[in-house]
N, C-alpha and C. Protein backbone atom coordinates (compact mmCIF):
# COMPACT_ATOMS: atom_id res chain seq x y z
N MET A 1 -22.03 9.13 -6.21
CA MET A 1 -21.40 8.32 -5.43
C MET A 1 -20.27 8.33 -5.43
N ALA A 2 -20.33 7.89 -3.51
CA ALA A 2 -18.50 8.42 -3.41
C ALA A 2 -17.83 7.67 -4.54
N GLN A 3 -16.38 8.60 -3.88
CA GLN A 3 -14.93 8.06 -4.82
C GLN A 3 -13.99 7.42 -3.66
N GLY A 4 -12.83 7.85 -3.65
CA GLY A 4 -11.89 6.31 -4.01
C GLY A 4 -11.94 7.21 -2.08
N LEU A 5 -11.32 8.18 -1.34
CA LEU A 5 -11.11 8.18 -0.21
C LEU A 5 -12.51 8.29 0.14
N GLU A 6 -13.52 8.93 0.16
CA GLU A 6 -15.35 8.51 0.95
C GLU A 6 -14.80 7.08 1.25
N LEU A 7 -15.11 5.84 0.07
CA LEU A 7 -14.84 4.46 0.05
C LEU A 7 -14.46 4.20 0.98
N MET A 8 -13.13 4.78 1.30
CA MET A 8 -11.79 3.79 2.08
C MET A 8 -12.04 4.24 3.38
N GLN A 9 -11.92 5.27 3.82
CA GLN A 9 -13.25 5.61 4.91
C GLN A 9 -13.95 5.02 5.46
N GLN A 10 -14.95 4.43 4.64
CA GLN A 10 -15.68 2.72 5.03
C GLN A 10 -15.31 2.54 5.70
N ARG A 11 -14.34 2.15 5.08
CA ARG A 11 -13.42 0.45 5.04
C ARG A 11 -12.54 0.43 6.51
N ILE A 12 -11.95 1.87 7.00
CA ILE A 12 -11.23 1.54 8.47
C ILE A 12 -11.96 0.34 9.19
N GLY A 13 -10.73 -0.31 9.49
CA GLY A 13 -10.82 -0.90 10.37
C GLY A 13 -10.99 -2.51 10.17
N THR A 14 -11.12 -2.35 8.35
CA THR A 14 -11.62 -4.29 7.71
C THR A 14 -10.37 -4.63 7.27
N VAL A 15 -10.19 -5.65 7.13
CA VAL A 15 -9.90 -6.24 6.18
C VAL A 15 -10.24 -6.63 5.31
N LEU A 16 -8.99 -5.86 4.29
CA LEU A 16 -9.66 -5.50 2.95
C LEU A 16 -8.91 -7.05 1.43
N ASN A 17 -9.80 -7.95 1.64
CA ASN A 17 -9.44 -8.61 0.92
C ASN A 17 -10.62 -9.13 -0.07
N ASP A 18 -11.18 -8.08 -0.69
CA ASP A 18 -12.61 -8.53 -1.64
C ASP A 18 -12.63 -6.44 -2.51
N THR A 19 -10.67 -6.47 -2.63
CA THR A 19 -11.03 -5.03 -3.84
C THR A 19 -10.60 -5.39 -5.19
N LEU A 20 -10.74 -4.41 -5.54
CA LEU A 20 -10.69 -3.98 -7.12
C LEU A 20 -9.17 -4.48 -7.55
N SER A 21 -7.55 -4.40 -6.64
CA SER A 21 -6.43 -5.81 -7.03
C SER A 21 -6.34 -6.69 -6.65
N PRO A 22 -7.38 -8.16 -7.71
CA PRO A 22 -6.62 -9.83 -7.00
C PRO A 22 -5.44 -9.56 -6.01
N ALA A 23 -4.32 -9.66 -6.67
CA ALA A 23 -2.80 -8.97 -5.58
C ALA A 23 -3.35 -8.21 -4.26
N GLY A 24 -3.78 -6.99 -4.05
CA GLY A 24 -4.22 -6.70 -2.88
C GLY A 24 -5.07 -7.61 -2.11
N SER A 25 -5.75 -7.37 -2.72
CA SER A 25 -7.05 -8.67 -2.25
C SER A 25 -6.42 -9.91 -1.02
N TRP A 26 -5.54 -10.86 -1.89
CA TRP A 26 -5.10 -11.42 -1.72
C TRP A 26 -4.15 -11.53 -0.11
N LEU A 27 -3.15 -9.93 -0.59
CA LEU A 27 -2.16 -9.69 0.81
C LEU A 27 -3.13 -9.96 2.64
N GLY A 28 -4.05 -8.88 2.11
CA GLY A 28 -5.23 -8.90 3.00
C GLY A 28 -5.01 -7.63 4.19
N PHE A 29 -4.62 -7.36 3.90
CA PHE A 29 -4.90 -5.63 4.79
C PHE A 29 -5.60 -5.15 5.46
N THR A 30 -5.63 -4.80 7.08
CA THR A 30 -6.53 -4.14 7.52
C THR A 30 -6.19 -2.88 7.57
N LEU A 31 -7.13 -2.16 7.30
CA LEU A 31 -7.21 -0.66 6.66
C LEU A 31 -7.30 0.51 7.94
N GLU A 32 -6.01 0.71 8.30
CA GLU A 32 -6.28 1.43 9.44
C GLU A 32 -6.29 2.91 10.16
N SER A 33 -5.95 3.49 8.76
CA SER A 33 -6.60 5.06 8.86
C SER A 33 -6.31 5.56 7.34
N VAL A 34 -7.17 6.40 6.71
CA VAL A 34 -6.71 7.28 4.87
C VAL A 34 -7.31 8.20 5.63
N SER A 35 -6.57 9.10 4.48
CA SER A 35 -6.72 10.13 4.41
C SER A 35 -6.64 10.73 3.24
N LYS A 36 -6.67 12.49 2.19
CA LYS A 36 -5.68 12.48 1.40
C LYS A 36 -4.96 12.47 1.26
N GLY A 37 -3.96 11.50 0.47
CA GLY A 37 -2.77 11.59 0.65
C GLY A 37 -1.94 11.07 1.71
N LYS A 38 -2.18 10.52 2.37
CA LYS A 38 -2.01 8.85 3.02
C LYS A 38 -2.91 8.00 3.53
N ALA A 39 -1.97 7.27 3.48
CA ALA A 39 -2.69 5.16 3.80
C ALA A 39 -2.05 4.96 4.67
N VAL A 40 -2.53 4.09 5.54
CA VAL A 40 -1.77 3.00 6.85
C VAL A 40 -2.58 2.11 7.66
N ALA A 41 -1.61 0.95 6.77
CA ALA A 41 -2.81 -0.13 6.94
C ALA A 41 -1.67 -0.68 7.32
N THR A 42 -2.28 -2.46 8.15
CA THR A 42 -1.46 -3.61 9.21
C THR A 42 -1.65 -4.49 7.95
N LEU A 43 -0.46 -5.87 8.38
CA LEU A 43 -0.75 -6.80 7.83
C LEU A 43 0.27 -7.51 8.87
N THR A 44 -0.87 -9.69 8.75
CA THR A 44 0.50 -10.04 9.33
C THR A 44 0.31 -10.97 8.47
N VAL A 45 1.69 -11.24 9.03
CA VAL A 45 3.08 -12.19 7.80
C VAL A 45 2.59 -13.81 8.12
N ARG A 46 2.37 -14.41 6.72
CA ARG A 46 1.40 -15.09 6.30
C ARG A 46 2.46 -16.24 6.09
N PRO A 47 2.27 -17.57 6.25
CA PRO A 47 3.95 -18.38 5.58
C PRO A 47 3.97 -18.90 4.37
N GLU A 48 2.94 -18.50 3.58
CA GLU A 48 2.76 -18.20 2.21
C GLU A 48 3.46 -16.94 1.30
N MET A 49 4.09 -16.11 2.70
CA MET A 49 4.14 -15.28 2.36
C MET A 49 5.80 -14.69 2.20
N CYS A 50 6.30 -15.85 2.68
CA CYS A 50 7.93 -15.89 3.59
C CYS A 50 8.99 -16.85 2.44
N ASN A 51 10.51 -16.68 2.76
CA ASN A 51 10.97 -16.91 2.14
C ASN A 51 11.93 -18.58 2.92
N PRO A 52 12.73 -18.86 2.28
CA PRO A 52 12.89 -20.16 2.96
C PRO A 52 12.89 -19.99 4.93
N TYR A 53 13.80 -18.97 5.42
CA TYR A 53 14.17 -18.52 5.88
C TYR A 53 13.47 -17.98 7.49
N GLY A 54 11.67 -17.99 6.77
CA GLY A 54 10.77 -17.70 7.65
C GLY A 54 10.43 -16.09 7.88
N ASN A 55 11.69 -15.58 7.17
CA ASN A 55 11.23 -14.12 6.98
C ASN A 55 10.55 -13.49 5.88
N ILE A 56 9.80 -12.81 5.73
CA ILE A 56 8.97 -11.78 4.67
C ILE A 56 9.72 -11.64 3.12
N HIS A 57 9.27 -12.54 2.79
CA HIS A 57 9.83 -12.64 0.92
C HIS A 57 10.20 -11.12 0.47
N GLY A 58 11.65 -10.40 -0.20
CA GLY A 58 11.27 -8.78 -0.52
C GLY A 58 10.60 -8.75 -2.02
N GLY A 59 9.75 -10.23 -2.44
CA GLY A 59 9.02 -9.42 -3.60
C GLY A 59 7.54 -9.98 -3.22
N MET A 60 7.40 -9.54 -1.50
CA MET A 60 5.79 -9.76 -1.11
C MET A 60 6.35 -8.02 -0.48
N MET A 61 7.29 -7.89 0.45
CA MET A 61 7.66 -6.56 1.33
C MET A 61 7.61 -5.06 -0.05
N SER A 62 8.06 -5.94 -1.43
CA SER A 62 7.51 -5.62 -2.62
C SER A 62 5.93 -5.40 -2.98
N LEU A 63 5.29 -5.68 -2.85
CA LEU A 63 3.99 -6.14 -2.86
C LEU A 63 3.03 -5.05 -1.95
N VAL A 64 3.41 -5.66 -0.68
CA VAL A 64 2.79 -4.71 0.90
C VAL A 64 3.07 -3.38 0.09
N ILE A 65 4.32 -2.63 -0.78
CA ILE A 65 4.91 -0.87 -0.92
C ILE A 65 3.81 -0.99 -1.60
N ASP A 66 3.42 -1.59 -2.58
CA ASP A 66 3.43 -1.22 -4.05
C ASP A 66 1.31 -1.37 -3.63
N GLU A 67 1.07 -2.02 -3.04
CA GLU A 67 -0.08 -1.68 -3.05
C GLU A 67 -0.57 -0.73 -1.62
N ILE A 68 -0.09 -0.21 -0.44
CA ILE A 68 0.11 0.20 0.23
C ILE A 68 0.10 2.28 -0.63
N ILE A 69 0.82 1.82 -1.57
CA ILE A 69 1.05 3.33 -2.41
C ILE A 69 -0.43 3.55 -3.27
N GLY A 70 -0.98 2.12 -3.58
CA GLY A 70 -2.12 2.38 -4.47
C GLY A 70 -3.64 2.89 -3.86
N PHE A 71 -3.03 2.69 -1.89
CA PHE A 71 -4.06 3.23 -1.02
C PHE A 71 -3.95 4.73 -0.83
N ALA A 72 -3.16 5.01 -1.04
CA ALA A 72 -2.78 6.76 -0.34
C ALA A 72 -2.83 7.89 -2.04
N VAL A 73 -2.92 6.60 -3.75
CA VAL A 73 -3.45 7.54 -4.77
C VAL A 73 -4.14 6.95 -4.75
N ILE A 74 -4.98 6.50 -4.21
CA ILE A 74 -6.97 6.55 -4.24
C ILE A 74 -7.33 7.46 -3.34
N SER A 75 -7.01 7.13 -2.54
CA SER A 75 -7.11 8.57 -1.86
C SER A 75 -7.45 10.08 -2.57
N LEU A 76 -6.73 10.00 -3.30
CA LEU A 76 -6.99 11.87 -4.34
C LEU A 76 -8.23 12.22 -4.89
N ASN A 77 -8.62 11.06 -5.09
CA ASN A 77 -8.99 11.52 -6.14
C ASN A 77 -9.42 12.07 -7.30
N ALA A 78 -8.23 11.38 -7.64
CA ALA A 78 -7.98 11.74 -8.93
C ALA A 78 -8.91 11.08 -10.12
N GLU A 79 -8.88 12.25 -11.36
CA GLU A 79 -10.15 11.89 -12.49
C GLU A 79 -9.09 10.92 -13.15
N HIS A 80 -7.62 10.54 -13.56
CA HIS A 80 -7.77 9.27 -14.39
C HIS A 80 -6.84 8.51 -13.36
N HIS A 81 -6.72 7.61 -13.19
CA HIS A 81 -5.61 6.11 -13.12
C HIS A 81 -3.96 6.37 -13.51
N TYR A 82 -3.42 6.51 -12.18
CA TYR A 82 -1.70 6.11 -11.71
C TYR A 82 -1.44 4.71 -12.44
N THR A 83 0.33 4.80 -12.78
CA THR A 83 0.85 3.39 -12.83
C THR A 83 2.09 4.26 -12.07
N SER A 84 3.28 2.59 -11.66
CA SER A 84 4.10 3.22 -11.72
C SER A 84 5.40 2.99 -12.68
N VAL A 85 5.72 3.98 -12.29
CA VAL A 85 6.60 3.61 -13.32
C VAL A 85 8.18 3.93 -12.56
N THR A 86 8.70 4.17 -11.00
CA THR A 86 9.41 3.67 -10.35
C THR A 86 9.37 2.69 -8.88
N LEU A 87 9.19 1.68 -8.29
CA LEU A 87 9.75 1.67 -7.63
C LEU A 87 11.22 1.14 -6.20
N ASN A 88 11.60 1.67 -5.86
CA ASN A 88 12.68 2.29 -5.01
C ASN A 88 12.59 1.20 -3.66
N VAL A 89 13.51 0.45 -3.69
CA VAL A 89 12.47 -0.33 -2.36
C VAL A 89 14.97 -0.17 -1.45
N ASP A 90 14.23 0.24 0.08
CA ASP A 90 15.59 -0.77 0.83
C ASP A 90 14.92 -0.83 2.30
N PHE A 91 15.74 -2.53 1.64
CA PHE A 91 15.29 -3.56 3.17
C PHE A 91 16.32 -3.68 3.95
N LEU A 92 15.08 -2.63 5.34
CA LEU A 92 16.63 -2.82 5.83
C LEU A 92 16.55 -3.57 7.45
N TYR A 93 15.23 -4.53 7.61
CA TYR A 93 15.25 -5.25 8.96
C TYR A 93 14.23 -6.03 8.64
N ALA A 94 14.49 -7.34 8.64
CA ALA A 94 13.69 -9.02 8.43
C ALA A 94 12.46 -8.97 10.03
N ILE A 95 11.91 -9.40 8.69
CA ILE A 95 10.09 -9.56 9.62
C ILE A 95 9.38 -11.21 9.63
N LYS A 96 9.47 -11.83 10.69
CA LYS A 96 9.15 -12.98 10.77
C LYS A 96 7.77 -13.66 10.65
N ARG A 97 7.00 -14.27 10.15
CA ARG A 97 6.31 -14.95 9.70
C ARG A 97 5.58 -14.84 10.65
N GLY A 98 3.70 -14.99 11.22
CA GLY A 98 3.63 -14.01 12.30
C GLY A 98 3.00 -12.98 12.41
N GLU A 99 4.25 -12.25 12.57
CA GLU A 99 4.14 -10.85 12.88
C GLU A 99 3.93 -9.99 12.25
N THR A 100 3.60 -8.84 12.62
CA THR A 100 2.77 -8.21 11.82
C THR A 100 3.18 -6.65 11.85
N LEU A 101 3.23 -6.21 10.05
CA LEU A 101 3.96 -5.32 9.62
C LEU A 101 2.28 -4.40 10.11
N ARG A 102 3.22 -2.77 9.41
CA ARG A 102 2.40 -1.91 9.98
C ARG A 102 3.24 -0.62 8.15
N ALA A 103 2.24 -0.24 7.35
CA ALA A 103 2.54 -0.17 6.02
C ALA A 103 1.88 1.33 5.96
N GLU A 104 2.50 2.74 6.50
CA GLU A 104 2.35 3.83 6.26
C GLU A 104 3.13 4.73 4.93
N ALA A 105 2.37 5.11 3.80
CA ALA A 105 2.36 5.94 2.66
C ALA A 105 1.49 7.64 2.65
N GLU A 106 2.74 7.74 2.34
CA GLU A 106 2.36 9.55 2.06
C GLU A 106 2.39 9.65 0.77
N VAL A 107 1.56 11.44 -0.26
CA VAL A 107 1.74 11.71 -1.40
C VAL A 107 3.03 12.78 -1.19
N ILE A 108 3.91 12.43 -1.26
CA ILE A 108 4.70 14.17 -1.53
C ILE A 108 4.68 15.11 -3.18
N ARG A 109 4.34 14.47 -3.47
CA ARG A 109 4.00 15.33 -4.77
C ARG A 109 2.67 14.73 -5.40
N PHE A 110 1.50 16.08 -5.55
CA PHE A 110 0.83 15.55 -6.68
C PHE A 110 0.45 15.79 -7.74
N GLY A 111 1.56 16.01 -8.11
CA GLY A 111 1.32 16.83 -10.17
C GLY A 111 0.18 16.52 -11.30
N LYS A 112 0.01 17.50 -12.41
CA LYS A 112 -0.39 16.57 -13.28
C LYS A 112 -0.23 15.47 -14.00
N LYS A 113 1.19 15.47 -13.99
CA LYS A 113 1.33 14.04 -14.45
C LYS A 113 2.66 12.75 -14.09
N ILE A 114 2.40 13.49 -12.51
CA ILE A 114 3.38 12.55 -12.02
C ILE A 114 2.93 13.05 -10.32
N ILE A 115 2.59 11.44 -9.85
CA ILE A 115 2.75 11.91 -8.49
C ILE A 115 4.07 10.81 -7.86
N ASN A 116 4.58 11.05 -6.29
CA ASN A 116 5.27 11.51 -5.87
C ASN A 116 5.23 10.81 -4.70
N VAL A 117 5.18 9.77 -4.23
CA VAL A 117 4.73 9.22 -2.84
C VAL A 117 5.99 8.56 -2.20
N ASP A 118 5.77 8.40 -0.93
CA ASP A 118 7.18 7.57 0.42
C ASP A 118 6.42 6.98 0.52
N VAL A 119 7.37 5.43 1.18
CA VAL A 119 6.51 4.26 2.29
C VAL A 119 7.52 4.43 3.23
N ARG A 120 6.56 4.16 4.19
CA ARG A 120 8.25 3.55 5.55
C ARG A 120 7.03 1.74 5.78
N VAL A 121 7.54 1.12 6.04
CA VAL A 121 6.91 -0.17 7.00
C VAL A 121 7.73 -0.28 8.43
N TYR A 122 6.91 -0.27 9.25
CA TYR A 122 7.11 -0.75 10.55
C TYR A 122 7.08 -2.50 11.01
N HIS A 123 7.63 -2.31 11.75
CA HIS A 123 7.45 -3.88 12.72
C HIS A 123 5.98 -3.20 14.12
N ASP A 124 4.46 -3.66 13.62
CA ASP A 124 3.65 -3.10 13.93
C ASP A 124 4.48 -3.32 15.95
N SER A 125 5.08 -4.40 17.00
CA SER A 125 4.70 -4.28 17.76
C SER A 125 6.17 -3.46 18.59
N ASN A 126 6.87 -3.49 17.77
CA ASN A 126 8.06 -2.56 18.28
C ASN A 126 8.88 -1.65 16.97
N ASN A 127 7.91 -1.32 16.31
CA ASN A 127 8.27 0.07 15.75
C ASN A 127 9.58 -0.04 14.91
N ILE A 128 10.76 -1.05 14.75
CA ILE A 128 12.03 -0.97 14.20
C ILE A 128 11.32 -0.77 12.45
N LEU A 129 11.93 -0.29 11.96
CA LEU A 129 11.81 0.19 10.43
C LEU A 129 12.18 -0.77 9.67
N LEU A 130 11.36 -1.38 9.03
CA LEU A 130 11.81 -3.02 8.16
C LEU A 130 12.55 -2.00 6.54
N ALA A 131 11.77 -1.49 6.02
CA ALA A 131 11.73 -0.86 4.60
C ALA A 131 11.25 0.26 4.54
N LYS A 132 11.95 1.40 3.72
CA LYS A 132 11.21 2.24 3.40
C LYS A 132 11.46 2.34 2.10
N ALA A 133 10.60 3.39 0.86
CA ALA A 133 10.38 2.69 -0.28
C ALA A 133 10.08 4.07 -0.92
N SER A 134 10.32 4.73 -1.96
CA SER A 134 9.43 6.04 -2.58
C SER A 134 9.51 5.41 -3.88
N SER A 135 8.17 6.05 -4.77
CA SER A 135 7.47 5.60 -6.30
C SER A 135 7.21 6.13 -6.74
N ASN A 136 7.70 7.18 -8.31
CA ASN A 136 6.64 7.59 -9.31
C ASN A 136 5.39 7.57 -9.71
N LEU A 137 4.32 7.48 -10.26
CA LEU A 137 3.79 7.30 -11.22
C LEU A 137 3.27 8.48 -11.55
N THR A 138 2.82 7.77 -13.05
CA THR A 138 2.47 8.69 -14.02
C THR A 138 1.41 8.23 -14.77
N ALA A 139 0.76 10.01 -15.23
CA ALA A 139 -1.02 9.57 -15.32
C ALA A 139 -1.30 8.52 -16.61
N THR A 140 -2.66 7.87 -16.97
CA THR A 140 -3.09 7.17 -17.66
C THR A 140 -3.69 8.29 -18.48
N ASN A 141 -4.15 7.36 -19.37
CA ASN A 141 -5.16 7.99 -20.25
C ASN A 141 -6.89 7.13 -19.93
N MET A 142 -6.36 6.10 -18.91
CA MET A 142 -7.74 5.47 -18.35
C MET A 142 -8.62 6.42 -16.68
N PRO A 143 -9.49 6.34 -17.45
CA PRO A 143 -10.34 6.42 -16.23
C PRO A 143 -10.08 5.71 -14.70
N ILE A 144 -10.71 5.85 -13.30
CA ILE A 144 -10.59 5.31 -12.67
C ILE A 144 -11.45 4.27 -12.38
N LEU A 145 -11.27 3.39 -12.09
CA LEU A 145 -12.09 1.89 -11.64
C LEU A 145 -13.60 2.53 -10.28
N GLN A 146 -14.27 1.64 -10.45
CA GLN A 146 -15.52 2.47 -9.95
C GLN A 146 -15.76 0.90 -9.51
N GLU A 147 -16.01 0.96 -7.71
CA GLU A 147 -16.23 -0.32 -7.47
C GLU A 147 -17.51 -1.02 -7.00
N GLN A 148 -18.51 -1.70 -7.81
CA GLN A 148 -19.82 -1.76 -7.61
C GLN A 148 -20.89 -1.52 -6.21
């Protein structure tokens, strides 16, 4: 049976609107690339993702970051599920509805109990850094969920 990395590589170039994560499916990322410990996805900002000023809401940006972290972690083919214990986000610039962002995650350290991941989110057309983040995830005793 194919594992995380192989399954994700089969989805490159597709909209991920049918994943095991309902929140992630709702976002509707397009997976651009994935390799062991790394993932890149794009997303066009929809009106329901915005604050009253027409920019992506900070909570939505945090969701984008948390989901791309999940993609990078899944690509490790770990035996157990990991869950976030920290998520630190620096919001640097806004992005407006209708514009496209590019989220890039990289696992910095894959330890026995802790995974550390860095994320950068860019404006896809002009490469402006919109947000940067880091997260620590801890191993759980839950086995990895498998897509059917």
